[in-house]
C-alpha atoms as a PDB file:
ATOM      1  CA  UNK A   1     176.971-112.157 -29.809  1.00  0.00           C
ATOM      2  CA  UNK A   2     179.038-113.194 -32.834  1.00  0.00           C
ATOM      3  CA  UNK A   3     182.457-112.085 -33.846  1.00  0.00           C
ATOM      4  CA  UNK A   4     183.425-110.949 -37.548  1.00  0.00           C
ATOM      5  CA  UNK A   5     186.603-109.013 -38.774  1.00  0.00           C
ATOM      6  CA  UNK A   6     185.695-105.656 -40.497  1.00  0.00           C
ATOM      7  CA  UNK A   7     188.905-104.014 -42.202  1.00  0.00           C
ATOM      8  CA  UNK A   8     191.224-105.951 -40.120  1.00  0.00           C
ATOM      9  CA  UNK A   9     189.409-105.342 -36.660  1.00  0.00           C
ATOM     10  CA  UNK A  10     187.514-107.736 -34.683  1.00  0.00           C
ATOM     11  CA  UNK A  11     183.875-106.490 -34.428  1.00  0.00           C
ATOM     12  CA  UNK A  12     181.042-107.909 -32.047  1.00  0.00           C
ATOM     13  CA  UNK A  13     177.584-107.963 -33.382  1.00  0.00           C
ATOM     14  CA  UNK A  14     174.434-108.811 -31.707  1.00  0.00           C
ATOM     15  CA  UNK A  15     173.934-111.881 -33.826  1.00  0.00           C
ATOM     16  CA  UNK A  16     173.921-112.628 -37.731  1.00  0.00           C
ATOM     17  CA  UNK A  17     173.417-109.194 -39.544  1.00  0.00           C
ATOM     18  CA  UNK A  18     172.223-108.425 -42.832  1.00  0.00           C
ATOM     19  CA  UNK A  19     174.859-106.440 -44.668  1.00  0.00           C
ATOM     20  CA  UNK A  20     172.783-103.605 -45.504  1.00  0.00           C
ATOM     21  CA  UNK A  21     171.755-103.333 -41.782  1.00  0.00           C
ATOM     22  CA  UNK A  22     175.579-103.197 -40.683  1.00  0.00           C
ATOM     23  CA  UNK A  23     176.398-100.539 -43.365  1.00  0.00           C
ATOM     24  CA  UNK A  24     173.442 -98.251 -42.235  1.00  0.00           C
ATOM     25  CA  UNK A  25     174.671 -98.620 -38.686  1.00  0.00           C
ATOM     26  CA  UNK A  26     178.052 -97.373 -40.118  1.00  0.00           C
ATOM     27  CA  UNK A  27     176.303 -94.282 -41.574  1.00  0.00           C
ATOM     28  CA  UNK A  28     177.745 -95.660 -45.177  1.00  0.00           C
ATOM     29  CA  UNK A  29     175.846 -95.308 -48.301  1.00  0.00           C
ATOM     30  CA  UNK A  30     175.851 -98.783 -49.738  1.00  0.00           C
ATOM     31  CA  UNK A  31     176.239 -96.957 -53.179  1.00  0.00           C
ATOM     32  CA  UNK A  32     179.669 -95.447 -51.919  1.00  0.00           C
ATOM     33  CA  UNK A  33     181.394 -98.778 -50.884  1.00  0.00           C
ATOM     34  CA  UNK A  34     182.455-102.288 -52.511  1.00  0.00           C
ATOM     35  CA  UNK A  35     182.295-105.048 -49.804  1.00  0.00           C
ATOM     36  CA  UNK A  36     184.046-108.194 -50.212  1.00  0.00           C
ATOM     37  CA  UNK A  37     182.745-111.180 -47.599  1.00  0.00           C
ATOM     38  CA  UNK A  38     185.106-113.956 -47.209  1.00  0.00           C
ATOM     39  CA  UNK A  39     187.309-113.259 -50.021  1.00  0.00           C
ATOM     40  CA  UNK A  40     184.423-112.694 -52.560  1.00  0.00           C
ATOM     41  CA  UNK A  41     183.388-109.437 -53.848  1.00  0.00           C
ATOM     42  CA  UNK A  42     179.614-108.953 -53.344  1.00  0.00           C
ATOM     43  CA  UNK A  43     177.621-107.345 -56.326  1.00  0.00           C
ATOM     44  CA  UNK A  44     175.952-104.403 -55.149  1.00  0.00           C
ATOM     45  CA  UNK A  45     172.744-105.652 -56.494  1.00  0.00           C
ATOM     46  CA  UNK A  46     173.197-108.717 -53.773  1.00  0.00           C
ATOM     47  CA  UNK A  47     173.939-106.699 -50.799  1.00  0.00           C
ATOM     48  CA  UNK A  48     170.277-107.347 -49.622  1.00  0.00           C
ATOM     49  CA  UNK A  49     171.094-111.161 -49.445  1.00  0.00           C
ATOM     50  CA  UNK A  50     174.205-110.958 -47.712  1.00  0.00           C
ATOM     51  CA  UNK A  51     174.307-111.753 -44.133  1.00  0.00           C
ATOM     52  CA  UNK A  52     177.220-111.376 -41.808  1.00  0.00           C
ATOM     53  CA  UNK A  53     177.698-114.518 -39.744  1.00  0.00           C
ATOM     54  CA  UNK A  54     180.402-115.687 -36.961  1.00  0.00           C
ATOM     55  CA  UNK A  55     183.679-115.657 -38.463  1.00  0.00           C
ATOM     56  CA  UNK A  56     183.021-113.737 -41.514  1.00  0.00           C
ATOM     57  CA  UNK A  57     186.114-111.542 -42.799  1.00  0.00           C
ATOM     58  CA  UNK A  58     184.558-108.421 -44.341  1.00  0.00           C
ATOM     59  CA  UNK A  59     186.412-105.821 -46.199  1.00  0.00           C
ATOM     60  CA  UNK A  60     184.591-102.355 -47.109  1.00  0.00           C
ATOM     61  CA  UNK A  61     186.164-100.075 -49.536  1.00  0.00           C
ATOM     62  CA  UNK A  62     184.998 -96.421 -49.925  1.00  0.00           C
ATOM     63  CA  UNK A  63     184.961 -95.223 -53.366  1.00  0.00           C
ATOM     64  CA  UNK A  64     187.012 -91.919 -53.673  1.00  0.00           C
ATOM     65  CA  UNK A  65     186.711 -89.888 -56.694  1.00  0.00           C
ATOM     66  CA  UNK A  66     189.243 -86.967 -57.817  1.00  0.00           C
ATOM     67  CA  UNK A  67     192.611 -86.578 -58.958  1.00  0.00           C
ATOM     68  CA  UNK A  68     194.132 -84.717 -61.720  1.00  0.00           C
ATOM     69  CA  UNK A  69     194.806 -85.350 -65.633  1.00  0.00           C
ATOM     70  CA  UNK A  70     198.383 -84.277 -66.088  1.00  0.00           C
ATOM     71  CA  UNK A  71     198.866 -81.864 -69.202  1.00  0.00           C
ATOM     72  CA  UNK A  72     202.670 -83.020 -69.223  1.00  0.00           C
ATOM     73  CA  UNK A  73     203.709 -85.585 -71.906  1.00  0.00           C
ATOM     74  CA  UNK A  74     204.941 -88.846 -70.549  1.00  0.00           C
ATOM     75  CA  UNK A  75     208.665 -89.228 -70.256  1.00  0.00           C
END
């Protein structure tokens, strides 16, 4: 077992785990998230190369769309 920190919480994994496999376990589409591993933002094209190891710190941020454009002029 290894321990990693994901979004501020300690998570136990069976062993070193590929990032894409971990995202799949979470039910998260790699296309819908940004991932930071040990303070470095991982390019989506490099997700397949990234592996979670003992002590890693991971931030996973889901992309959120939406919002409205105001028709009011700025004050």
